[in-house]
C-alpha atoms as a PDB file:
ATOM      1  CA  UNK A   1       0.000   0.000   0.000  1.00  0.00           C
ATOM      2  CA  UNK A   2       1.253   3.489  -0.840  1.00  0.00           C
ATOM      3  CA  UNK A   3       0.979   6.274   1.728  1.00  0.00           C
ATOM      4  CA  UNK A   4       0.905  10.050   1.358  1.00  0.00           C
ATOM      5  CA  UNK A   5       0.957  12.951   3.795  1.00  0.00           C
ATOM      6  CA  UNK A   6      -2.420  14.650   4.153  1.00  0.00           C
ATOM      7  CA  UNK A   7      -1.324  18.190   3.355  1.00  0.00           C
ATOM      8  CA  UNK A   8      -0.207  20.386   6.238  1.00  0.00           C
ATOM      9  CA  UNK A   9      -1.920  18.096   8.770  1.00  0.00           C
ATOM     10  CA  UNK A  10       1.106  15.806   8.755  1.00  0.00           C
ATOM     11  CA  UNK A  11      -1.215  12.785   8.934  1.00  0.00           C
ATOM     12  CA  UNK A  12      -0.074   9.786   6.890  1.00  0.00           C
ATOM     13  CA  UNK A  13      -2.905   8.205   4.912  1.00  0.00           C
ATOM     14  CA  UNK A  14      -3.191   5.243   2.583  1.00  0.00           C
ATOM     15  CA  UNK A  15      -3.644   5.939  -1.123  1.00  0.00           C
ATOM     16  CA  UNK A  16      -6.810   3.844  -0.885  1.00  0.00           C
ATOM     17  CA  UNK A  17      -9.345   5.136   1.609  1.00  0.00           C
ATOM     18  CA  UNK A  18     -12.375   3.314   3.005  1.00  0.00           C
ATOM     19  CA  UNK A  19     -15.632   5.090   2.123  1.00  0.00           C
ATOM     20  CA  UNK A  20     -18.496   4.385   4.514  1.00  0.00           C
ATOM     21  CA  UNK A  21     -21.498   5.855   2.715  1.00  0.00           C
ATOM     22  CA  UNK A  22     -23.230   2.462   2.333  1.00  0.00           C
ATOM     23  CA  UNK A  23     -22.213   0.799   5.605  1.00  0.00           C
ATOM     24  CA  UNK A  24     -25.268  -0.546   7.406  1.00  0.00           C
ATOM     25  CA  UNK A  25     -27.584  -0.151   4.421  1.00  0.00           C
ATOM     26  CA  UNK A  26     -28.122  -3.909   4.076  1.00  0.00           C
ATOM     27  CA  UNK A  27     -29.291  -5.126   7.485  1.00  0.00           C
ATOM     28  CA  UNK A  28     -29.153  -8.843   6.727  1.00  0.00           C
ATOM     29  CA  UNK A  29     -27.066 -10.509   9.401  1.00  0.00           C
ATOM     30  CA  UNK A  30     -24.726 -12.294   6.980  1.00  0.00           C
ATOM     31  CA  UNK A  31     -24.014  -9.085   5.015  1.00  0.00           C
ATOM     32  CA  UNK A  32     -23.381  -7.083   8.190  1.00  0.00           C
ATOM     33  CA  UNK A  33     -20.987  -9.779   9.424  1.00  0.00           C
ATOM     34  CA  UNK A  34     -19.125  -9.765   6.101  1.00  0.00           C
ATOM     35  CA  UNK A  35     -18.856  -5.977   6.210  1.00  0.00           C
ATOM     36  CA  UNK A  36     -17.262  -6.116   9.658  1.00  0.00           C
ATOM     37  CA  UNK A  37     -14.795  -8.729   8.393  1.00  0.00           C
ATOM     38  CA  UNK A  38     -14.059  -6.558   5.349  1.00  0.00           C
ATOM     39  CA  UNK A  39     -13.246  -3.546   7.537  1.00  0.00           C
ATOM     40  CA  UNK A  40     -10.885  -5.709   9.588  1.00  0.00           C
ATOM     41  CA  UNK A  41      -9.280  -6.998   6.385  1.00  0.00           C
ATOM     42  CA  UNK A  42      -8.876  -3.412   5.126  1.00  0.00           C
ATOM     43  CA  UNK A  43      -6.864  -2.633   8.250  1.00  0.00           C
ATOM     44  CA  UNK A  44      -4.750  -5.732   7.693  1.00  0.00           C
ATOM     45  CA  UNK A  45      -4.097  -4.621   4.097  1.00  0.00           C
ATOM     46  CA  UNK A  46      -2.819  -1.260   5.332  1.00  0.00           C
ATOM     47  CA  UNK A  47      -5.846   0.979   4.756  1.00  0.00           C
ATOM     48  CA  UNK A  48      -5.599   3.806   7.285  1.00  0.00           C
ATOM     49  CA  UNK A  49      -8.119   6.410   6.048  1.00  0.00           C
ATOM     50  CA  UNK A  50     -11.766   5.811   7.024  1.00  0.00           C
ATOM     51  CA  UNK A  51     -14.483   8.235   5.971  1.00  0.00           C
ATOM     52  CA  UNK A  52     -18.142   8.452   6.996  1.00  0.00           C
ATOM     53  CA  UNK A  53     -20.848  11.020   7.878  1.00  0.00           C
ATOM     54  CA  UNK A  54     -23.549  11.452  10.481  1.00  0.00           C
ATOM     55  CA  UNK A  55     -26.171  11.280   7.710  1.00  0.00           C
ATOM     56  CA  UNK A  56     -25.030   8.011   6.124  1.00  0.00           C
ATOM     57  CA  UNK A  57     -27.745   5.404   6.637  1.00  0.00           C
ATOM     58  CA  UNK A  58     -29.206   7.450   9.511  1.00  0.00           C
ATOM     59  CA  UNK A  59     -26.038   7.122  11.574  1.00  0.00           C
ATOM     60  CA  UNK A  60     -25.644   3.357  11.111  1.00  0.00           C
ATOM     61  CA  UNK A  61     -22.479   3.830   9.058  1.00  0.00           C
ATOM     62  CA  UNK A  62     -20.813   5.519  12.026  1.00  0.00           C
ATOM     63  CA  UNK A  63     -22.130   2.857  14.405  1.00  0.00           C
ATOM     64  CA  UNK A  64     -20.722   0.049  12.284  1.00  0.00           C
ATOM     65  CA  UNK A  65     -17.340   1.743  11.947  1.00  0.00           C
ATOM     66  CA  UNK A  66     -17.306   2.403  15.673  1.00  0.00           C
ATOM     67  CA  UNK A  67     -17.852  -1.299  16.345  1.00  0.00           C
ATOM     68  CA  UNK A  68     -15.373  -2.498  13.729  1.00  0.00           C
ATOM     69  CA  UNK A  69     -12.567  -0.100  14.639  1.00  0.00           C
ATOM     70  CA  UNK A  70     -12.760  -0.547  18.411  1.00  0.00           C
ATOM     71  CA  UNK A  71      -9.263  -1.080  19.739  1.00  0.00           C
ATOM     72  CA  UNK A  72      -7.634   0.113  16.489  1.00  0.00           C
ATOM     73  CA  UNK A  73      -8.259   3.843  16.822  1.00  0.00           C
ATOM     74  CA  UNK A  74      -4.551   4.669  17.058  1.00  0.00           C
ATOM     75  CA  UNK A  75      -3.933   2.945  13.691  1.00  0.00           C
ATOM     76  CA  UNK A  76      -6.286   5.058  11.583  1.00  0.00           C
ATOM     77  CA  UNK A  77      -7.225   8.518  10.368  1.00  0.00           C
ATOM     78  CA  UNK A  78     -10.953   8.855  11.079  1.00  0.00           C
ATOM     79  CA  UNK A  79     -13.104  11.408   9.257  1.00  0.00           C
ATOM     80  CA  UNK A  80     -16.788  12.279   9.425  1.00  0.00           C
ATOM     81  CA  UNK A  81     -19.073  15.014   8.158  1.00  0.00           C
ATOM     82  CA  UNK A  82     -21.737  17.326   9.562  1.00  0.00           C
ATOM     83  CA  UNK A  83     -24.301  19.742   8.221  1.00  0.00           C
ATOM     84  CA  UNK A  84     -26.136  17.407   5.859  1.00  0.00           C
ATOM     85  CA  UNK A  85     -28.906  15.164   7.106  1.00  0.00           C
ATOM     86  CA  UNK A  86     -28.788  16.598  10.629  1.00  0.00           C
ATOM     87  CA  UNK A  87     -31.677  14.389  11.802  1.00  0.00           C
ATOM     88  CA  UNK A  88     -29.258  11.461  11.956  1.00  0.00           C
ATOM     89  CA  UNK A  89     -27.769  13.041  15.090  1.00  0.00           C
ATOM     90  CA  UNK A  90     -31.030  13.116  17.025  1.00  0.00           C
ATOM     91  CA  UNK A  91     -32.518  10.359  19.198  1.00  0.00           C
ATOM     92  CA  UNK A  92     -35.587  10.229  16.953  1.00  0.00           C
ATOM     93  CA  UNK A  93     -33.480   9.603  13.831  1.00  0.00           C
ATOM     94  CA  UNK A  94     -34.746   6.043  13.312  1.00  0.00           C
ATOM     95  CA  UNK A  95     -38.316   7.344  13.138  1.00  0.00           C
ATOM     96  CA  UNK A  96     -37.638  10.569  11.228  1.00  0.00           C
ATOM     97  CA  UNK A  97     -34.972   9.249   8.848  1.00  0.00           C
ATOM     98  CA  UNK A  98     -37.201   7.094   6.628  1.00  0.00           C
ATOM     99  CA  UNK A  99     -39.786   9.889   6.462  1.00  0.00           C
ATOM    100  CA  UNK A 100     -37.195  12.475   5.481  1.00  0.00           C
ATOM    101  CA  UNK A 101     -36.885  11.698   1.791  1.00  0.00           C
ATOM    102  CA  UNK A 102     -34.752  14.766   1.136  1.00  0.00           C
ATOM    103  CA  UNK A 103     -32.042  15.176   3.759  1.00  0.00           C
ATOM    104  CA  UNK A 104     -32.180  18.480   5.569  1.00  0.00           C
ATOM    105  CA  UNK A 105     -29.122  20.696   5.855  1.00  0.00           C
ATOM    106  CA  UNK A 106     -28.217  22.642   8.966  1.00  0.00           C
ATOM    107  CA  UNK A 107     -24.884  24.429   9.324  1.00  0.00           C
ATOM    108  CA  UNK A 108     -25.780  26.592  12.303  1.00  0.00           C
ATOM    109  CA  UNK A 109     -23.079  26.406  15.001  1.00  0.00           C
ATOM    110  CA  UNK A 110     -25.315  24.734  17.599  1.00  0.00           C
ATOM    111  CA  UNK A 111     -26.384  22.114  15.060  1.00  0.00           C
ATOM    112  CA  UNK A 112     -22.789  21.395  14.037  1.00  0.00           C
ATOM    113  CA  UNK A 113     -21.714  20.974  17.658  1.00  0.00           C
ATOM    114  CA  UNK A 114     -24.609  18.600  18.359  1.00  0.00           C
ATOM    115  CA  UNK A 115     -23.842  16.632  15.199  1.00  0.00           C
ATOM    116  CA  UNK A 116     -20.185  16.202  16.152  1.00  0.00           C
ATOM    117  CA  UNK A 117     -21.126  15.069  19.661  1.00  0.00           C
ATOM    118  CA  UNK A 118     -23.389  12.426  18.118  1.00  0.00           C
ATOM    119  CA  UNK A 119     -20.693  11.295  15.706  1.00  0.00           C
ATOM    120  CA  UNK A 120     -18.156  10.884  18.503  1.00  0.00           C
ATOM    121  CA  UNK A 121     -20.637   8.799  20.466  1.00  0.00           C
ATOM    122  CA  UNK A 122     -21.501   6.523  17.535  1.00  0.00           C
ATOM    123  CA  UNK A 123     -17.882   6.158  16.447  1.00  0.00           C
ATOM    124  CA  UNK A 124     -16.833   5.415  20.037  1.00  0.00           C
ATOM    125  CA  UNK A 125     -13.997   7.912  19.965  1.00  0.00           C
ATOM    126  CA  UNK A 126     -13.038  11.157  21.676  1.00  0.00           C
ATOM    127  CA  UNK A 127     -11.975  13.040  18.545  1.00  0.00           C
ATOM    128  CA  UNK A 128     -12.283  13.177  14.770  1.00  0.00           C
ATOM    129  CA  UNK A 129      -9.061  13.523  12.818  1.00  0.00           C
ATOM    130  CA  UNK A 130     -10.952  15.480  10.146  1.00  0.00           C
ATOM    131  CA  UNK A 131     -14.434  16.982  10.275  1.00  0.00           C
ATOM    132  CA  UNK A 132     -15.857  17.937   6.886  1.00  0.00           C
ATOM    133  CA  UNK A 133     -18.637  20.410   6.302  1.00  0.00           C
ATOM    134  CA  UNK A 134     -20.909  18.191   4.216  1.00  0.00           C
ATOM    135  CA  UNK A 135     -21.647  19.701   0.784  1.00  0.00           C
ATOM    136  CA  UNK A 136     -22.018  23.281   2.089  1.00  0.00           C
ATOM    137  CA  UNK A 137     -23.335  26.016  -0.219  1.00  0.00           C
ATOM    138  CA  UNK A 138     -20.893  28.864  -0.966  1.00  0.00           C
ATOM    139  CA  UNK A 139     -22.505  31.175   1.598  1.00  0.00           C
ATOM    140  CA  UNK A 140     -21.740  28.643   4.365  1.00  0.00           C
ATOM    141  CA  UNK A 141     -18.130  28.314   3.241  1.00  0.00           C
ATOM    142  CA  UNK A 142     -17.709  32.048   3.787  1.00  0.00           C
ATOM    143  CA  UNK A 143     -19.719  32.250   7.033  1.00  0.00           C
ATOM    144  CA  UNK A 144     -17.469  33.490   9.853  1.00  0.00           C
ATOM    145  CA  UNK A 145     -19.801  32.033  12.499  1.00  0.00           C
ATOM    146  CA  UNK A 146     -19.262  28.580  11.001  1.00  0.00           C
ATOM    147  CA  UNK A 147     -15.512  29.193  10.948  1.00  0.00           C
ATOM    148  CA  UNK A 148     -15.562  30.228  14.620  1.00  0.00           C
ATOM    149  CA  UNK A 149     -17.602  27.119  15.501  1.00  0.00           C
ATOM    150  CA  UNK A 150     -15.259  24.590  13.917  1.00  0.00           C
ATOM    151  CA  UNK A 151     -12.206  26.367  15.309  1.00  0.00           C
ATOM    152  CA  UNK A 152     -13.804  26.242  18.764  1.00  0.00           C
ATOM    153  CA  UNK A 153     -14.370  22.482  18.447  1.00  0.00           C
ATOM    154  CA  UNK A 154     -10.787  22.162  17.308  1.00  0.00           C
ATOM    155  CA  UNK A 155      -9.499  24.053  20.349  1.00  0.00           C
ATOM    156  CA  UNK A 156     -11.539  21.734  22.610  1.00  0.00           C
ATOM    157  CA  UNK A 157      -9.971  18.658  21.020  1.00  0.00           C
ATOM    158  CA  UNK A 158     -13.191  17.301  19.508  1.00  0.00           C
ATOM    159  CA  UNK A 159     -11.669  17.593  16.029  1.00  0.00           C
ATOM    160  CA  UNK A 160      -8.037  17.806  14.985  1.00  0.00           C
ATOM    161  CA  UNK A 161      -8.563  19.379  11.555  1.00  0.00           C
ATOM    162  CA  UNK A 162     -11.503  20.418   9.437  1.00  0.00           C
ATOM    163  CA  UNK A 163     -12.293  20.635   5.784  1.00  0.00           C
ATOM    164  CA  UNK A 164     -14.981  20.853   3.138  1.00  0.00           C
ATOM    165  CA  UNK A 165     -16.584  18.045   1.169  1.00  0.00           C
ATOM    166  CA  UNK A 166     -17.677  19.512  -2.172  1.00  0.00           C
ATOM    167  CA  UNK A 167     -21.008  18.418  -3.630  1.00  0.00           C
ATOM    168  CA  UNK A 168     -20.955  16.435  -6.866  1.00  0.00           C
ATOM    169  CA  UNK A 169     -22.628  19.363  -8.644  1.00  0.00           C
ATOM    170  CA  UNK A 170     -20.130  21.902  -7.291  1.00  0.00           C
ATOM    171  CA  UNK A 171     -18.137  23.939  -9.790  1.00  0.00           C
ATOM    172  CA  UNK A 172     -14.377  24.351 -10.100  1.00  0.00           C
ATOM    173  CA  UNK A 173     -14.815  27.836  -8.615  1.00  0.00           C
ATOM    174  CA  UNK A 174     -16.540  26.289  -5.581  1.00  0.00           C
ATOM    175  CA  UNK A 175     -13.586  23.928  -5.114  1.00  0.00           C
ATOM    176  CA  UNK A 176     -11.079  26.787  -5.354  1.00  0.00           C
ATOM    177  CA  UNK A 177     -13.131  28.746  -2.821  1.00  0.00           C
ATOM    178  CA  UNK A 178     -13.052  25.775  -0.448  1.00  0.00           C
ATOM    179  CA  UNK A 179      -9.285  25.358  -0.845  1.00  0.00           C
ATOM    180  CA  UNK A 180      -8.761  29.048  -0.136  1.00  0.00           C
ATOM    181  CA  UNK A 181     -10.947  29.236   2.976  1.00  0.00           C
ATOM    182  CA  UNK A 182      -9.048  30.166   6.115  1.00  0.00           C
ATOM    183  CA  UNK A 183      -8.482  27.174   8.404  1.00  0.00           C
ATOM    184  CA  UNK A 184      -9.380  24.482   5.858  1.00  0.00           C
ATOM    185  CA  UNK A 185      -6.944  21.541   5.915  1.00  0.00           C
ATOM    186  CA  UNK A 186      -8.618  19.041   3.551  1.00  0.00           C
ATOM    187  CA  UNK A 187     -11.007  19.361   0.614  1.00  0.00           C
ATOM    188  CA  UNK A 188     -12.887  16.325  -0.693  1.00  0.00           C
ATOM    189  CA  UNK A 189     -13.854  16.276  -4.361  1.00  0.00           C
ATOM    190  CA  UNK A 190     -15.500  13.906  -6.862  1.00  0.00           C
ATOM    191  CA  UNK A 191     -12.795  12.045  -8.782  1.00  0.00           C
ATOM    192  CA  UNK A 192     -14.241  10.000 -11.627  1.00  0.00           C
ATOM    193  CA  UNK A 193     -13.676  10.303 -15.355  1.00  0.00           C
ATOM    194  CA  UNK A 194     -17.307  11.363 -15.811  1.00  0.00           C
ATOM    195  CA  UNK A 195     -17.432  13.942 -13.033  1.00  0.00           C
ATOM    196  CA  UNK A 196     -14.412  15.511 -11.425  1.00  0.00           C
ATOM    197  CA  UNK A 197     -13.578  18.916 -10.008  1.00  0.00           C
ATOM    198  CA  UNK A 198      -9.911  18.094 -10.336  1.00  0.00           C
ATOM    199  CA  UNK A 199      -7.701  20.311 -12.454  1.00  0.00           C
ATOM    200  CA  UNK A 200      -3.963  20.907 -12.470  1.00  0.00           C
ATOM    201  CA  UNK A 201      -4.672  24.464 -11.306  1.00  0.00           C
ATOM    202  CA  UNK A 202      -6.661  23.207  -8.311  1.00  0.00           C
ATOM    203  CA  UNK A 203      -3.877  20.786  -7.371  1.00  0.00           C
ATOM    204  CA  UNK A 204      -1.286  23.582  -7.542  1.00  0.00           C
ATOM    205  CA  UNK A 205      -3.466  25.944  -5.517  1.00  0.00           C
ATOM    206  CA  UNK A 206      -4.059  23.313  -2.830  1.00  0.00           C
ATOM    207  CA  UNK A 207      -0.377  22.385  -2.637  1.00  0.00           C
ATOM    208  CA  UNK A 208       0.665  26.012  -2.314  1.00  0.00           C
ATOM    209  CA  UNK A 209      -1.719  26.468   0.632  1.00  0.00           C
ATOM    210  CA  UNK A 210      -0.836  23.169   2.312  1.00  0.00           C
ATOM    211  CA  UNK A 211      -4.393  21.896   1.751  1.00  0.00           C
ATOM    212  CA  UNK A 212      -4.850  18.194   0.995  1.00  0.00           C
ATOM    213  CA  UNK A 213      -7.179  16.912  -1.715  1.00  0.00           C
ATOM    214  CA  UNK A 214      -9.057  13.644  -1.212  1.00  0.00           C
ATOM    215  CA  UNK A 215     -10.989  12.052  -4.075  1.00  0.00           C
ATOM    216  CA  UNK A 216     -14.254  10.154  -3.789  1.00  0.00           C
ATOM    217  CA  UNK A 217     -16.744   8.284  -5.995  1.00  0.00           C
ATOM    218  CA  UNK A 218     -14.161   7.035  -8.521  1.00  0.00           C
ATOM    219  CA  UNK A 219     -16.911   4.900 -10.046  1.00  0.00           C
ATOM    220  CA  UNK A 220     -19.223   7.867 -10.541  1.00  0.00           C
ATOM    221  CA  UNK A 221     -22.342   8.753  -8.593  1.00  0.00           C
ATOM    222  CA  UNK A 222     -24.234   5.587  -7.712  1.00  0.00           C
ATOM    223  CA  UNK A 223     -21.489   3.364  -9.176  1.00  0.00           C
ATOM    224  CA  UNK A 224     -22.239   4.426 -12.756  1.00  0.00           C
ATOM    225  CA  UNK A 225     -18.887   3.137 -14.045  1.00  0.00           C
ATOM    226  CA  UNK A 226     -18.999  -0.316 -12.441  1.00  0.00           C
ATOM    227  CA  UNK A 227     -20.929  -3.469 -13.275  1.00  0.00           C
ATOM    228  CA  UNK A 228     -23.122  -5.169 -10.723  1.00  0.00           C
ATOM    229  CA  UNK A 229     -21.559  -6.578  -7.545  1.00  0.00           C
ATOM    230  CA  UNK A 230     -21.043 -10.021  -9.088  1.00  0.00           C
ATOM    231  CA  UNK A 231     -18.834  -8.420 -11.734  1.00  0.00           C
ATOM    232  CA  UNK A 232     -16.400  -7.214  -9.061  1.00  0.00           C
ATOM    233  CA  UNK A 233     -14.860 -10.635  -8.512  1.00  0.00           C
ATOM    234  CA  UNK A 234     -11.074 -10.234  -8.431  1.00  0.00           C
ATOM    235  CA  UNK A 235      -9.354 -11.323 -11.636  1.00  0.00           C
ATOM    236  CA  UNK A 236      -6.263 -10.376 -13.615  1.00  0.00           C
ATOM    237  CA  UNK A 237      -8.325  -8.775 -16.385  1.00  0.00           C
ATOM    238  CA  UNK A 238      -8.947  -5.053 -16.651  1.00  0.00           C
ATOM    239  CA  UNK A 239     -12.471  -4.626 -15.281  1.00  0.00           C
ATOM    240  CA  UNK A 240     -14.444  -1.371 -15.412  1.00  0.00           C
ATOM    241  CA  UNK A 241     -13.872  -0.968 -11.665  1.00  0.00           C
ATOM    242  CA  UNK A 242     -10.094  -1.304 -12.042  1.00  0.00           C
ATOM    243  CA  UNK A 243     -10.032   1.158 -14.925  1.00  0.00           C
ATOM    244  CA  UNK A 244     -12.101   3.744 -13.071  1.00  0.00           C
ATOM    245  CA  UNK A 245     -10.092   3.457  -9.853  1.00  0.00           C
ATOM    246  CA  UNK A 246      -6.776   3.629 -11.723  1.00  0.00           C
ATOM    247  CA  UNK A 247      -7.929   6.852 -13.399  1.00  0.00           C
ATOM    248  CA  UNK A 248      -8.725   8.420 -10.026  1.00  0.00           C
ATOM    249  CA  UNK A 249      -5.489   7.245  -8.408  1.00  0.00           C
ATOM    250  CA  UNK A 250      -3.494   8.852 -11.213  1.00  0.00           C
ATOM    251  CA  UNK A 251      -5.051  12.291 -10.764  1.00  0.00           C
ATOM    252  CA  UNK A 252      -2.460  14.847  -9.749  1.00  0.00           C
ATOM    253  CA  UNK A 253      -2.409  16.021  -6.159  1.00  0.00           C
ATOM    254  CA  UNK A 254      -4.801  13.535  -4.523  1.00  0.00           C
ATOM    255  CA  UNK A 255      -3.593  12.217  -1.162  1.00  0.00           C
ATOM    256  CA  UNK A 256      -6.135   9.379  -1.183  1.00  0.00           C
ATOM    257  CA  UNK A 257      -9.151   8.053  -3.085  1.00  0.00           C
ATOM    258  CA  UNK A 258     -12.173   6.820  -1.121  1.00  0.00           C
ATOM    259  CA  UNK A 259     -13.862   3.614  -2.245  1.00  0.00           C
ATOM    260  CA  UNK A 260     -16.984   2.033  -0.806  1.00  0.00           C
ATOM    261  CA  UNK A 261     -16.032  -1.547   0.114  1.00  0.00           C
ATOM    262  CA  UNK A 262     -18.819  -3.377   1.944  1.00  0.00           C
ATOM    263  CA  UNK A 263     -17.900  -6.774   0.482  1.00  0.00           C
ATOM    264  CA  UNK A 264     -14.550  -8.551   0.585  1.00  0.00           C
ATOM    265  CA  UNK A 265     -14.372  -8.819  -3.219  1.00  0.00           C
ATOM    266  CA  UNK A 266     -14.657  -5.017  -3.410  1.00  0.00           C
ATOM    267  CA  UNK A 267     -11.710  -4.643  -1.046  1.00  0.00           C
ATOM    268  CA  UNK A 268      -9.631  -7.307  -2.788  1.00  0.00           C
ATOM    269  CA  UNK A 269      -9.972  -5.747  -6.237  1.00  0.00           C
ATOM    270  CA  UNK A 270      -9.321  -2.215  -4.970  1.00  0.00           C
ATOM    271  CA  UNK A 271      -6.208  -3.231  -3.000  1.00  0.00           C
ATOM    272  CA  UNK A 272      -4.929  -5.190  -5.993  1.00  0.00           C
ATOM    273  CA  UNK A 273      -5.486  -2.183  -8.284  1.00  0.00           C
ATOM    274  CA  UNK A 274      -3.449   0.062  -5.969  1.00  0.00           C
ATOM    275  CA  UNK A 275      -0.656  -2.520  -5.820  1.00  0.00           C
ATOM    276  CA  UNK A 276      -0.539  -2.902  -9.603  1.00  0.00           C
ATOM    277  CA  UNK A 277      -0.374   0.858 -10.096  1.00  0.00           C
ATOM    278  CA  UNK A 278       2.469   1.124  -7.560  1.00  0.00           C
ATOM    279  CA  UNK A 279       4.438  -1.515  -9.498  1.00  0.00           C
ATOM    280  CA  UNK A 280       3.813   0.374 -12.746  1.00  0.00           C
ATOM    281  CA  UNK A 281       5.123   3.604 -11.228  1.00  0.00           C
ATOM    282  CA  UNK A 282       8.290   1.886 -10.037  1.00  0.00           C
ATOM    283  CA  UNK A 283       9.051   0.259 -13.385  1.00  0.00           C
END
């Protein structure tokens, strides 16, 4: 596994990151058990970056990661998000979540603080290595009250660093604005061949400011670039998943690329793709 420094944070992260947006979505006991084994296997394969959000599957993604990573907290860089789907942080989330077809957004300071407290509880940890504002509109990015709130949580030790996760419909200007925001350490961007905010100019701007870039959704929104799950089975041939992930991993300036890996075959193929690309770079 290759490792890169996460910008000015100094945190060392694996080139392949574990994306938790679908964790807990399938509640069948055998699938949940396999997911827990897959997370453990990811750790054994050297994956150190784990990413989730309070809104993913009404908080169940955080709960599953909290269970799976217990006792391994010192080995990982743990990231979550707040501001999108705030109901997932409330006790009534299991009742309200299914009724809330369109996730609410709430970036008010009190809401962000409550969301982070809920994330820490579900993840069974005392701090987040990175807290992302989850798909904030431009006005939120520039809101000084939001800046003061996240800096206050940072000073209290609840978060170590904070950043911005750009929405898939965000523009290149939005990404540059996020990179240039005072205090931002990491910016997360879409990184597929069909939808990416990545440009050489953005990579240069981020590097000059000491801001790390993390890619996500290498297979496109909703897995557009991959076949069905059964087509993920590891093999030496060049599958659509391998091609899409290789494209994302080759983008300039990305410290890591997040991949959703609920099943062991997902993990196996992704780890193998990273290893093959590392060999190619060395040859």
